[in-house]
């Protein structure tokens, strides 16, 4: 047990030495070592961690579906999945973020993540999301959470209607 712990520390030490010399440490390492090992080395020392008193540890990393700091939802290691809203000018759209299927893209941080637009109409948007996740065998474990987040993002786009009362109306 202590031997495996010291071995993990030495591997993490070597990874941190490599990451210091690299411009994008996580992306260049993902092709060399498994995602679980990267997570063990990075989970306590990443700039995306957000801690609060009496609250779960949150994460601000891109591609994190729930915003929780855990291996399951991590956008730094392994397969990435996120559903979010984006606004360009007055146009609002729903975007699904996934990792590129080619392993060679892990070494190129700019092209590692793919953003796919989703339809705003609930029936078509949910079908598009289901086809991408379950049909493509991509993060099926998070399909239900992604569908729930799609609905939340869609409802967040709705504007509150202002109602005005007429002063002339009879009382």
N, C-alpha and C. Protein backbone atom coordinates (compact mmCIF):
# COMPACT_ATOMS: atom_id res chain seq x y z
N UNK A 1 0.83 -1.20 0.00
CA UNK A 1 0.00 0.00 0.00
C UNK A 1 0.87 1.26 0.00
N UNK A 2 1.88 1.29 0.90
CA UNK A 2 2.75 2.46 0.94
C UNK A 2 3.64 2.52 -0.30
N UNK A 3 3.97 1.32 -0.84
CA UNK A 3 4.78 1.29 -2.05
C UNK A 3 4.01 1.89 -3.23
N UNK A 4 2.72 1.56 -3.35
CA UNK A 4 1.93 2.11 -4.46
C UNK A 4 1.70 3.61 -4.28
N UNK A 5 1.58 4.07 -3.03
CA UNK A 5 1.43 5.50 -2.77
C UNK A 5 2.66 6.29 -3.16
N UNK A 6 3.83 5.74 -2.84
CA UNK A 6 5.08 6.43 -3.20
C UNK A 6 5.29 6.40 -4.72
N UNK A 7 4.84 5.29 -5.35
CA UNK A 7 4.96 5.20 -6.81
C UNK A 7 4.07 6.24 -7.48
N UNK A 8 2.84 6.43 -6.96
CA UNK A 8 1.93 7.43 -7.50
C UNK A 8 2.51 8.84 -7.34
N UNK A 9 3.14 9.11 -6.18
CA UNK A 9 3.75 10.42 -5.96
C UNK A 9 4.89 10.67 -6.94
N UNK A 10 5.68 9.63 -7.22
CA UNK A 10 6.80 9.83 -8.16
C UNK A 10 6.28 10.06 -9.58
N UNK A 11 5.20 9.35 -9.96
CA UNK A 11 4.62 9.56 -11.29
C UNK A 11 4.04 10.97 -11.38
N UNK A 12 3.33 11.39 -10.32
CA UNK A 12 2.77 12.75 -10.31
C UNK A 12 3.86 13.80 -10.36
N UNK A 13 4.99 13.52 -9.70
CA UNK A 13 6.11 14.44 -9.74
C UNK A 13 6.67 14.57 -11.15
N UNK A 14 6.78 13.44 -11.85
CA UNK A 14 7.25 13.48 -13.23
C UNK A 14 6.27 14.20 -14.14
N UNK A 15 4.98 13.99 -13.89
CA UNK A 15 3.96 14.66 -14.69
C UNK A 15 4.01 16.17 -14.46
N UNK A 16 4.21 16.58 -13.20
CA UNK A 16 4.27 18.02 -12.93
C UNK A 16 5.51 18.64 -13.57
N UNK A 17 6.63 17.89 -13.65
CA UNK A 17 7.81 18.41 -14.32
C UNK A 17 7.54 18.60 -15.81
N UNK A 18 6.84 17.64 -16.41
CA UNK A 18 6.49 17.76 -17.82
C UNK A 18 5.53 18.92 -18.02
N UNK A 19 4.56 19.07 -17.08
CA UNK A 19 3.56 20.11 -17.24
C UNK A 19 4.14 21.51 -17.08
N UNK A 20 5.24 21.64 -16.32
CA UNK A 20 5.86 22.96 -16.17
C UNK A 20 6.52 23.41 -17.47
N UNK A 21 7.01 22.44 -18.23
CA UNK A 21 7.68 22.81 -19.47
C UNK A 21 6.71 22.97 -20.64
N UNK A 22 5.46 22.54 -20.46
CA UNK A 22 4.47 22.60 -21.52
C UNK A 22 3.58 23.82 -21.35
N UNK A 23 3.13 24.40 -22.45
CA UNK A 23 2.24 25.56 -22.37
C UNK A 23 0.86 25.16 -21.89
N UNK A 24 0.38 23.97 -22.26
CA UNK A 24 -0.93 23.48 -21.86
C UNK A 24 -0.74 22.09 -21.26
N UNK A 25 -0.51 22.02 -19.94
CA UNK A 25 -0.09 20.76 -19.33
C UNK A 25 -1.11 19.64 -19.43
N UNK A 26 -2.37 19.90 -19.20
CA UNK A 26 -3.36 18.84 -19.17
C UNK A 26 -3.56 18.26 -20.56
N UNK A 27 -3.67 19.11 -21.55
CA UNK A 27 -3.96 18.65 -22.90
C UNK A 27 -2.82 17.84 -23.49
N UNK A 28 -1.58 18.21 -23.20
CA UNK A 28 -0.47 17.47 -23.78
C UNK A 28 -0.23 16.15 -23.05
N UNK A 29 -0.69 16.03 -21.82
CA UNK A 29 -0.47 14.82 -21.06
C UNK A 29 -1.50 13.74 -21.36
N UNK A 30 -2.68 14.12 -21.83
CA UNK A 30 -3.76 13.15 -21.95
C UNK A 30 -3.46 12.04 -22.94
N UNK A 31 -2.56 12.26 -23.88
CA UNK A 31 -2.21 11.20 -24.82
C UNK A 31 -1.14 10.28 -24.24
N UNK A 32 -0.42 10.72 -23.20
CA UNK A 32 0.65 9.90 -22.65
C UNK A 32 0.17 9.01 -21.51
N UNK A 33 -0.73 9.48 -20.68
CA UNK A 33 -1.14 8.74 -19.48
C UNK A 33 -2.66 8.64 -19.43
N UNK A 34 -3.19 7.65 -18.70
CA UNK A 34 -4.65 7.53 -18.61
C UNK A 34 -5.30 8.68 -17.86
N UNK A 35 -6.57 8.90 -18.15
CA UNK A 35 -7.32 10.02 -17.56
C UNK A 35 -7.41 9.91 -16.05
N UNK A 36 -7.53 8.69 -15.53
CA UNK A 36 -7.64 8.51 -14.08
C UNK A 36 -6.37 8.95 -13.36
N UNK A 37 -5.23 8.74 -13.96
CA UNK A 37 -3.96 9.16 -13.35
C UNK A 37 -3.82 10.68 -13.40
N UNK A 38 -4.24 11.27 -14.50
CA UNK A 38 -4.21 12.74 -14.59
C UNK A 38 -5.11 13.33 -13.51
N UNK A 39 -6.28 12.73 -13.30
CA UNK A 39 -7.21 13.24 -12.29
C UNK A 39 -6.60 13.14 -10.89
N UNK A 40 -5.94 12.03 -10.58
CA UNK A 40 -5.33 11.87 -9.26
C UNK A 40 -4.26 12.93 -9.01
N UNK A 41 -3.56 13.32 -10.04
CA UNK A 41 -2.50 14.32 -9.89
C UNK A 41 -3.04 15.74 -9.86
N UNK A 42 -4.16 15.99 -10.52
CA UNK A 42 -4.66 17.36 -10.70
C UNK A 42 -5.79 17.71 -9.74
N UNK A 43 -6.44 16.73 -9.14
CA UNK A 43 -7.67 16.99 -8.40
C UNK A 43 -7.52 17.96 -7.23
N UNK A 44 -6.38 18.06 -6.65
CA UNK A 44 -6.20 19.00 -5.54
C UNK A 44 -5.50 20.28 -5.94
N UNK A 45 -4.99 20.35 -7.16
CA UNK A 45 -4.16 21.48 -7.55
C UNK A 45 -4.54 22.00 -8.93
N UNK A 46 -5.74 22.50 -9.07
CA UNK A 46 -6.15 23.08 -10.34
C UNK A 46 -6.74 24.47 -10.10
N UNK A 47 -6.56 25.34 -11.04
CA UNK A 47 -7.03 26.72 -10.87
C UNK A 47 -8.54 26.84 -11.02
N UNK A 48 -9.21 25.76 -11.43
CA UNK A 48 -10.65 25.81 -11.63
C UNK A 48 -11.45 25.50 -10.36
N UNK A 49 -10.80 25.08 -9.28
CA UNK A 49 -11.49 24.73 -8.03
C UNK A 49 -12.07 25.99 -7.40
N UNK A 50 -13.33 25.87 -6.95
CA UNK A 50 -14.02 26.95 -6.23
C UNK A 50 -14.54 26.38 -4.92
N UNK A 51 -13.96 26.82 -3.80
CA UNK A 51 -14.35 26.30 -2.49
C UNK A 51 -15.10 27.37 -1.71
N UNK A 52 -16.12 26.91 -0.96
CA UNK A 52 -16.90 27.79 -0.08
C UNK A 52 -17.14 27.06 1.23
N UNK A 53 -17.45 27.83 2.26
CA UNK A 53 -17.74 27.25 3.56
C UNK A 53 -19.09 26.56 3.51
N UNK A 54 -19.19 25.37 4.10
CA UNK A 54 -20.43 24.59 4.18
C UNK A 54 -21.05 24.34 2.81
N UNK A 55 -20.23 24.10 1.81
CA UNK A 55 -20.73 23.85 0.45
C UNK A 55 -19.81 22.83 -0.22
N UNK A 56 -20.35 22.13 -1.21
CA UNK A 56 -19.53 21.18 -1.95
C UNK A 56 -18.47 21.93 -2.75
N UNK A 57 -17.40 21.24 -3.07
CA UNK A 57 -16.33 21.83 -3.87
C UNK A 57 -16.83 21.90 -5.32
N UNK A 58 -16.81 23.09 -5.88
CA UNK A 58 -17.29 23.32 -7.24
C UNK A 58 -16.11 23.51 -8.19
N UNK A 59 -16.42 23.49 -9.49
CA UNK A 59 -15.38 23.64 -10.49
C UNK A 59 -15.86 24.55 -11.61
N UNK A 60 -14.96 25.38 -12.12
CA UNK A 60 -15.30 26.32 -13.19
C UNK A 60 -14.67 25.91 -14.52
N UNK A 61 -14.29 24.66 -14.65
CA UNK A 61 -13.61 24.22 -15.87
C UNK A 61 -14.59 24.11 -17.04
N UNK A 62 -14.12 24.38 -18.24
CA UNK A 62 -14.99 24.25 -19.41
C UNK A 62 -15.30 22.77 -19.68
N UNK A 63 -16.55 22.49 -19.99
CA UNK A 63 -16.94 21.12 -20.27
C UNK A 63 -17.43 20.36 -19.06
N UNK A 64 -17.61 21.01 -17.92
CA UNK A 64 -18.09 20.36 -16.71
C UNK A 64 -19.60 20.51 -16.66
N UNK A 65 -20.35 19.41 -16.73
CA UNK A 65 -21.80 19.43 -16.85
C UNK A 65 -22.49 20.00 -15.61
N UNK A 66 -22.09 19.56 -14.44
CA UNK A 66 -22.77 19.99 -13.21
C UNK A 66 -22.03 21.07 -12.44
N UNK A 67 -20.80 21.32 -12.78
CA UNK A 67 -20.03 22.31 -12.03
C UNK A 67 -19.44 21.75 -10.75
N UNK A 68 -19.57 20.45 -10.52
CA UNK A 68 -18.99 19.81 -9.34
C UNK A 68 -17.56 19.38 -9.64
N UNK A 69 -16.72 19.45 -8.62
CA UNK A 69 -15.32 19.05 -8.77
C UNK A 69 -15.22 17.56 -8.50
N UNK A 70 -15.39 16.75 -9.53
CA UNK A 70 -15.27 15.30 -9.40
C UNK A 70 -14.78 14.71 -10.72
N UNK A 71 -14.28 13.49 -10.65
CA UNK A 71 -13.75 12.83 -11.84
C UNK A 71 -14.83 12.60 -12.87
N UNK A 72 -16.05 12.29 -12.40
CA UNK A 72 -17.15 11.97 -13.32
C UNK A 72 -17.51 13.15 -14.22
N UNK A 73 -17.47 14.37 -13.69
CA UNK A 73 -17.90 15.55 -14.44
C UNK A 73 -16.73 16.37 -14.97
N UNK A 74 -15.52 15.96 -14.73
CA UNK A 74 -14.35 16.76 -15.07
C UNK A 74 -14.23 17.03 -16.56
N UNK A 75 -13.92 18.27 -16.88
CA UNK A 75 -13.68 18.65 -18.27
C UNK A 75 -12.21 18.63 -18.63
N UNK A 76 -11.37 18.31 -17.66
CA UNK A 76 -9.92 18.28 -17.90
C UNK A 76 -9.45 16.92 -18.37
N UNK A 77 -10.12 15.86 -17.92
CA UNK A 77 -9.67 14.51 -18.23
C UNK A 77 -10.78 13.73 -18.92
N UNK A 78 -10.40 12.87 -19.82
CA UNK A 78 -11.36 11.97 -20.45
C UNK A 78 -12.34 12.66 -21.37
N UNK A 79 -13.53 12.08 -21.46
CA UNK A 79 -14.57 12.60 -22.34
C UNK A 79 -15.31 13.73 -21.67
N UNK A 80 -15.53 14.80 -22.40
CA UNK A 80 -16.14 16.02 -21.89
C UNK A 80 -17.60 16.09 -22.36
N UNK A 81 -18.49 16.57 -21.50
CA UNK A 81 -19.87 16.79 -21.90
C UNK A 81 -20.41 17.98 -21.14
N UNK A 82 -21.00 18.92 -21.85
CA UNK A 82 -21.64 20.07 -21.22
C UNK A 82 -22.73 20.59 -22.15
N UNK A 83 -23.81 21.07 -21.54
CA UNK A 83 -24.88 21.74 -22.27
C UNK A 83 -24.99 23.12 -21.65
N UNK A 84 -24.87 24.17 -22.47
CA UNK A 84 -24.89 25.52 -21.94
C UNK A 84 -25.53 26.47 -22.93
N UNK A 85 -25.85 27.64 -22.45
CA UNK A 85 -26.40 28.67 -23.32
C UNK A 85 -25.33 29.65 -23.71
N UNK A 86 -25.43 30.16 -24.92
CA UNK A 86 -24.48 31.19 -25.35
C UNK A 86 -25.27 32.31 -26.00
N UNK A 87 -24.76 33.51 -25.85
CA UNK A 87 -25.45 34.67 -26.37
C UNK A 87 -24.47 35.49 -27.21
N UNK A 88 -24.85 35.74 -28.45
CA UNK A 88 -24.06 36.59 -29.34
C UNK A 88 -24.97 37.71 -29.80
N UNK A 89 -24.76 38.88 -29.26
CA UNK A 89 -25.64 40.00 -29.55
C UNK A 89 -27.00 39.76 -28.92
N UNK A 90 -28.03 39.75 -29.73
CA UNK A 90 -29.36 39.46 -29.21
C UNK A 90 -29.75 38.00 -29.42
N UNK A 91 -28.95 37.25 -30.17
CA UNK A 91 -29.27 35.86 -30.47
C UNK A 91 -28.78 34.95 -29.34
N UNK A 92 -29.70 34.13 -28.84
CA UNK A 92 -29.37 33.17 -27.79
C UNK A 92 -29.44 31.77 -28.39
N UNK A 93 -28.48 30.92 -28.04
CA UNK A 93 -28.48 29.57 -28.57
C UNK A 93 -28.05 28.59 -27.48
N UNK A 94 -28.42 27.33 -27.68
CA UNK A 94 -28.05 26.26 -26.75
C UNK A 94 -26.95 25.45 -27.41
N UNK A 95 -25.86 25.22 -26.67
CA UNK A 95 -24.66 24.59 -27.23
C UNK A 95 -24.30 23.35 -26.42
N UNK A 96 -23.97 22.27 -27.11
CA UNK A 96 -23.46 21.06 -26.47
C UNK A 96 -21.96 20.99 -26.73
N UNK A 97 -21.18 20.85 -25.67
CA UNK A 97 -19.73 20.77 -25.78
C UNK A 97 -19.28 19.34 -25.53
N UNK A 98 -18.51 18.79 -26.44
CA UNK A 98 -17.95 17.46 -26.30
C UNK A 98 -16.47 17.50 -26.65
N UNK A 99 -15.76 16.44 -26.31
CA UNK A 99 -14.35 16.32 -26.69
C UNK A 99 -14.28 15.76 -28.10
N UNK A 100 -13.22 16.11 -28.80
CA UNK A 100 -13.03 15.61 -30.16
C UNK A 100 -12.77 14.11 -30.13
N UNK A 101 -13.25 13.39 -31.12
CA UNK A 101 -13.09 11.94 -31.14
C UNK A 101 -11.67 11.51 -31.45
N UNK A 102 -10.93 12.32 -32.20
CA UNK A 102 -9.55 11.96 -32.52
C UNK A 102 -8.64 12.22 -31.34
N UNK A 103 -7.85 11.25 -30.97
CA UNK A 103 -6.95 11.38 -29.82
C UNK A 103 -5.86 12.41 -30.08
N UNK A 104 -5.52 12.64 -31.33
CA UNK A 104 -4.45 13.59 -31.64
C UNK A 104 -4.85 15.02 -31.30
N UNK A 105 -6.15 15.29 -31.18
CA UNK A 105 -6.61 16.64 -30.85
C UNK A 105 -6.36 17.00 -29.40
N UNK A 106 -6.08 16.00 -28.54
CA UNK A 106 -5.78 16.29 -27.14
C UNK A 106 -4.54 17.14 -26.99
N UNK A 107 -3.62 17.03 -27.93
CA UNK A 107 -2.38 17.80 -27.87
C UNK A 107 -2.58 19.23 -28.39
N UNK A 108 -3.74 19.51 -28.99
CA UNK A 108 -4.04 20.84 -29.51
C UNK A 108 -5.20 21.44 -28.73
N UNK A 109 -4.94 22.23 -27.72
CA UNK A 109 -5.99 22.73 -26.85
C UNK A 109 -7.07 23.55 -27.56
N UNK A 110 -6.71 24.25 -28.61
CA UNK A 110 -7.69 25.07 -29.31
C UNK A 110 -8.75 24.28 -30.04
N UNK A 111 -8.40 23.07 -30.47
CA UNK A 111 -9.35 22.26 -31.22
C UNK A 111 -9.76 20.99 -30.48
N UNK A 112 -9.54 20.93 -29.19
CA UNK A 112 -9.88 19.75 -28.39
C UNK A 112 -11.38 19.64 -28.16
N UNK A 113 -12.03 20.75 -27.90
CA UNK A 113 -13.46 20.75 -27.61
C UNK A 113 -14.27 21.11 -28.85
N UNK A 114 -15.37 20.37 -29.04
CA UNK A 114 -16.29 20.65 -30.14
C UNK A 114 -17.57 21.23 -29.58
N UNK A 115 -18.06 22.29 -30.19
CA UNK A 115 -19.33 22.88 -29.77
C UNK A 115 -20.35 22.67 -30.88
N UNK A 116 -21.45 22.01 -30.51
CA UNK A 116 -22.51 21.71 -31.45
C UNK A 116 -23.77 22.43 -31.02
N UNK A 117 -24.39 23.15 -31.93
CA UNK A 117 -25.63 23.85 -31.61
C UNK A 117 -26.79 22.88 -31.52
N UNK A 118 -27.67 23.11 -30.55
CA UNK A 118 -28.88 22.30 -30.37
C UNK A 118 -30.10 23.13 -30.71
N UNK A 119 -31.13 22.48 -31.22
CA UNK A 119 -32.37 23.16 -31.56
C UNK A 119 -33.05 23.65 -30.29
N UNK A 120 -33.76 24.77 -30.39
CA UNK A 120 -34.47 25.31 -29.23
C UNK A 120 -35.82 24.65 -29.02
N UNK A 121 -36.39 24.08 -30.07
CA UNK A 121 -37.67 23.39 -29.93
C UNK A 121 -37.42 22.11 -29.13
N UNK A 122 -38.14 21.95 -28.03
CA UNK A 122 -37.85 20.88 -27.07
C UNK A 122 -37.78 19.50 -27.69
N UNK A 123 -38.74 19.15 -28.51
CA UNK A 123 -38.80 17.80 -29.07
C UNK A 123 -37.58 17.53 -29.97
N UNK A 124 -37.26 18.48 -30.84
CA UNK A 124 -36.13 18.30 -31.75
C UNK A 124 -34.79 18.40 -31.02
N UNK A 125 -34.70 19.31 -30.06
CA UNK A 125 -33.45 19.47 -29.31
C UNK A 125 -33.13 18.26 -28.47
N UNK A 126 -34.14 17.70 -27.80
CA UNK A 126 -33.91 16.51 -26.99
C UNK A 126 -33.55 15.31 -27.87
N UNK A 127 -34.21 15.21 -29.05
CA UNK A 127 -33.88 14.13 -29.97
C UNK A 127 -32.44 14.26 -30.46
N UNK A 128 -32.01 15.47 -30.74
CA UNK A 128 -30.64 15.72 -31.20
C UNK A 128 -29.63 15.35 -30.11
N UNK A 129 -29.95 15.70 -28.87
CA UNK A 129 -29.08 15.38 -27.73
C UNK A 129 -29.01 13.87 -27.52
N UNK A 130 -30.16 13.21 -27.57
CA UNK A 130 -30.21 11.75 -27.39
C UNK A 130 -29.43 11.04 -28.49
N UNK A 131 -29.58 11.49 -29.72
CA UNK A 131 -28.87 10.87 -30.83
C UNK A 131 -27.36 11.01 -30.67
N UNK A 132 -26.92 12.18 -30.22
CA UNK A 132 -25.48 12.41 -30.07
C UNK A 132 -24.89 11.57 -28.94
N UNK A 133 -25.63 11.43 -27.83
CA UNK A 133 -25.09 10.73 -26.67
C UNK A 133 -25.30 9.22 -26.74
N UNK A 134 -26.54 8.80 -26.92
CA UNK A 134 -26.83 7.37 -26.88
C UNK A 134 -26.56 6.69 -28.22
N UNK A 135 -26.87 7.36 -29.31
CA UNK A 135 -26.61 6.79 -30.63
C UNK A 135 -25.12 6.69 -30.93
N UNK A 136 -24.35 7.65 -30.44
CA UNK A 136 -22.91 7.64 -30.67
C UNK A 136 -22.12 7.01 -29.56
N UNK A 137 -22.81 6.41 -28.56
CA UNK A 137 -22.18 5.78 -27.41
C UNK A 137 -21.20 6.72 -26.71
N UNK A 138 -21.63 7.95 -26.49
CA UNK A 138 -20.77 8.97 -25.88
C UNK A 138 -21.39 9.41 -24.56
N UNK A 139 -20.79 9.09 -23.45
CA UNK A 139 -21.22 9.48 -22.10
C UNK A 139 -22.70 9.20 -21.87
N UNK A 140 -23.11 7.95 -22.05
CA UNK A 140 -24.49 7.56 -21.81
C UNK A 140 -24.87 7.69 -20.36
N UNK A 141 -23.90 7.64 -19.46
CA UNK A 141 -24.17 7.78 -18.04
C UNK A 141 -24.66 9.19 -17.68
N UNK A 142 -24.35 10.17 -18.49
CA UNK A 142 -24.76 11.55 -18.22
C UNK A 142 -25.91 12.02 -19.10
N UNK A 143 -26.54 11.12 -19.87
CA UNK A 143 -27.58 11.51 -20.81
C UNK A 143 -28.79 12.14 -20.10
N UNK A 144 -29.22 11.57 -19.00
CA UNK A 144 -30.38 12.10 -18.27
C UNK A 144 -30.07 13.48 -17.69
N UNK A 145 -28.87 13.65 -17.15
CA UNK A 145 -28.49 14.96 -16.59
C UNK A 145 -28.36 16.01 -17.68
N UNK A 146 -27.84 15.62 -18.84
CA UNK A 146 -27.71 16.55 -19.95
C UNK A 146 -29.08 16.98 -20.46
N UNK A 147 -30.05 16.05 -20.48
CA UNK A 147 -31.41 16.38 -20.91
C UNK A 147 -32.07 17.35 -19.91
N UNK A 148 -31.84 17.13 -18.62
CA UNK A 148 -32.40 18.02 -17.60
C UNK A 148 -31.77 19.41 -17.71
N UNK A 149 -30.48 19.47 -17.96
CA UNK A 149 -29.81 20.76 -18.09
C UNK A 149 -30.26 21.48 -19.36
N UNK A 150 -30.54 20.73 -20.42
CA UNK A 150 -31.06 21.32 -21.66
C UNK A 150 -32.38 22.05 -21.37
N UNK A 151 -33.26 21.42 -20.61
CA UNK A 151 -34.55 22.04 -20.26
C UNK A 151 -34.33 23.29 -19.42
N UNK A 152 -33.40 23.24 -18.46
CA UNK A 152 -33.12 24.41 -17.61
C UNK A 152 -32.55 25.57 -18.42
N UNK A 153 -31.64 25.27 -19.34
CA UNK A 153 -31.06 26.32 -20.18
C UNK A 153 -32.14 26.94 -21.06
N UNK A 154 -33.01 26.09 -21.60
CA UNK A 154 -34.08 26.57 -22.48
C UNK A 154 -35.05 27.48 -21.72
N UNK A 155 -35.40 27.10 -20.49
CA UNK A 155 -36.31 27.95 -19.71
C UNK A 155 -35.63 29.23 -19.25
N UNK A 156 -34.32 29.22 -19.14
CA UNK A 156 -33.61 30.45 -18.73
C UNK A 156 -33.66 31.52 -19.82
N UNK A 157 -33.91 31.11 -21.07
CA UNK A 157 -34.01 32.07 -22.16
C UNK A 157 -35.34 32.80 -22.19
N UNK A 158 -36.35 32.29 -21.50
CA UNK A 158 -37.67 32.91 -21.53
C UNK A 158 -37.64 34.24 -20.79
N UNK A 159 -38.23 35.23 -21.40
CA UNK A 159 -38.29 36.56 -20.81
C UNK A 159 -39.59 36.71 -20.00
N UNK A 160 -39.51 37.45 -18.93
CA UNK A 160 -40.69 37.68 -18.11
C UNK A 160 -41.53 38.76 -18.78
N UNK A 161 -42.81 38.45 -18.96
CA UNK A 161 -43.70 39.40 -19.60
C UNK A 161 -44.14 40.44 -18.58
N UNK A 162 -44.08 41.69 -19.00
CA UNK A 162 -44.50 42.78 -18.14
C UNK A 162 -45.99 43.03 -18.36
N UNK A 163 -46.70 43.16 -17.26
CA UNK A 163 -48.14 43.44 -17.40
C UNK A 163 -48.40 44.85 -16.87
N UNK A 164 -49.10 45.63 -17.67
CA UNK A 164 -49.43 46.99 -17.29
C UNK A 164 -50.92 47.07 -16.98
N UNK A 165 -51.24 47.74 -15.90
CA UNK A 165 -52.65 47.94 -15.53
C UNK A 165 -53.07 49.31 -16.06
N UNK A 166 -54.23 49.35 -16.66
CA UNK A 166 -54.75 50.58 -17.18
C UNK A 166 -55.28 51.45 -16.05
N UNK A 167 -54.99 52.74 -16.12
CA UNK A 167 -55.50 53.65 -15.09
C UNK A 167 -56.95 54.03 -15.37
N UNK A 168 -57.37 53.80 -16.59
CA UNK A 168 -58.73 54.16 -16.98
C UNK A 168 -59.75 53.05 -16.65
N UNK A 169 -59.27 51.87 -16.34
CA UNK A 169 -60.19 50.77 -16.09
C UNK A 169 -61.06 51.07 -14.87
N UNK A 170 -62.28 50.57 -14.93
CA UNK A 170 -63.21 50.82 -13.81
C UNK A 170 -62.77 50.02 -12.59
N UNK A 171 -63.04 50.64 -11.47
CA UNK A 171 -62.58 50.01 -10.20
C UNK A 171 -63.70 49.27 -9.53
